[in-house]
Amino acid sequence: MQEIEIGNKVKVARIMAELTQQELADLVGVTRQTIGLIEANKYNPTIKLCLMIATHTHTTLDELFWVEPEKEA
């Protein structure tokens, strides 16, 4: 099975919501490091965490996350 790449705009949404990584982490119940990893696209959050991030950044899931188009070999 081929892996898909998921893009995100969590950092942009967080900044637009005027939140630090720590503030967003506290709101959604994770560590600051987890938020940093999500922003760096090195951690795939659960759907529940995605929804919580969207709620606290006043965005939708579609605005935050998407599937990257496949790259041709």
Protein backbone atom coordinates (compact mmCIF):
# COMPACT_ATOMS: atom_id res chain seq x y z
CA MET A 1 0.00 0.00 0.00
CA GLN A 2 1.33 3.40 -0.96
CA GLU A 3 1.58 6.04 1.74
CA ILE A 4 -0.15 9.34 1.21
CA GLU A 5 1.28 12.67 2.26
CA ILE A 6 -0.93 15.00 4.23
CA GLY A 7 -0.28 18.73 4.16
CA ASN A 8 -1.34 21.11 6.88
CA LYS A 9 -1.61 24.79 7.72
CA VAL A 10 -1.73 24.40 11.49
CA LYS A 11 1.08 26.89 12.08
CA VAL A 12 -0.58 29.55 9.93
CA ALA A 13 -3.94 28.99 11.61
CA ARG A 14 -2.34 29.12 15.07
CA ILE A 15 -0.58 32.39 14.31
CA MET A 16 -3.76 33.88 12.82
CA ALA A 17 -5.58 32.90 16.03
CA GLU A 18 -2.81 34.71 17.96
CA LEU A 19 -1.85 31.58 19.89
CA THR A 20 1.58 30.29 20.84
CA GLN A 21 2.37 26.61 20.45
CA GLN A 22 2.07 26.26 24.24
CA GLU A 23 -1.29 28.02 24.37
CA LEU A 24 -2.75 25.82 21.62
CA ALA A 25 -1.27 22.73 23.27
CA ASP A 26 -2.90 23.65 26.59
CA LEU A 27 -6.26 24.22 24.88
CA VAL A 28 -6.26 20.84 23.12
CA GLY A 29 -4.57 18.80 25.87
CA VAL A 30 -1.22 17.90 24.29
CA THR A 31 2.37 19.04 24.73
CA ARG A 32 3.97 21.97 22.94
CA GLN A 33 6.28 19.47 21.28
CA THR A 34 3.30 17.65 19.77
CA ILE A 35 2.03 20.88 18.23
CA GLY A 36 5.53 21.52 16.84
CA LEU A 37 5.64 18.05 15.30
CA ILE A 38 2.19 18.49 13.74
CA GLU A 39 3.24 21.85 12.27
CA ALA A 40 6.42 20.25 10.88
CA ASN A 41 4.31 17.45 9.35
CA LYS A 42 6.18 14.84 11.41
CA TYR A 43 3.19 13.64 13.45
CA ASN A 44 -0.27 12.63 12.22
CA PRO A 45 -2.83 13.70 14.82
CA THR A 46 -6.02 11.80 15.54
CA ILE A 47 -9.24 13.08 14.03
CA LYS A 48 -10.31 14.19 17.51
CA LEU A 49 -7.15 16.27 17.90
CA CYS A 50 -7.61 17.70 14.39
CA LEU A 51 -11.14 18.76 15.28
CA MET A 52 -9.98 20.35 18.53
CA ILE A 53 -7.23 22.28 16.72
CA ALA A 54 -9.74 23.46 14.11
CA THR A 55 -12.15 24.59 16.81
CA HIS A 56 -9.54 26.58 18.72
CA THR A 57 -8.07 28.17 15.57
CA HIS A 58 -11.53 29.02 14.18
CA THR A 59 -10.94 27.03 11.00
CA THR A 60 -12.33 23.93 9.34
CA LEU A 61 -10.62 20.60 8.76
CA ASP A 62 -10.54 21.36 5.03
CA GLU A 63 -8.67 24.58 5.71
CA LEU A 64 -6.14 22.85 7.97
CA PHE A 65 -5.44 19.49 6.33
CA TRP A 66 -5.39 18.05 2.82
CA VAL A 67 -3.91 15.13 0.87
CA GLU A 68 -0.90 16.09 -1.22
CA PRO A 69 -1.11 15.11 -4.90
CA GLU A 70 0.89 12.00 -5.81
CA LYS A 71 4.32 12.67 -7.27
CA GLU A 72 5.18 10.87 -10.47
CA ALA A 73 8.21 8.57 -10.28
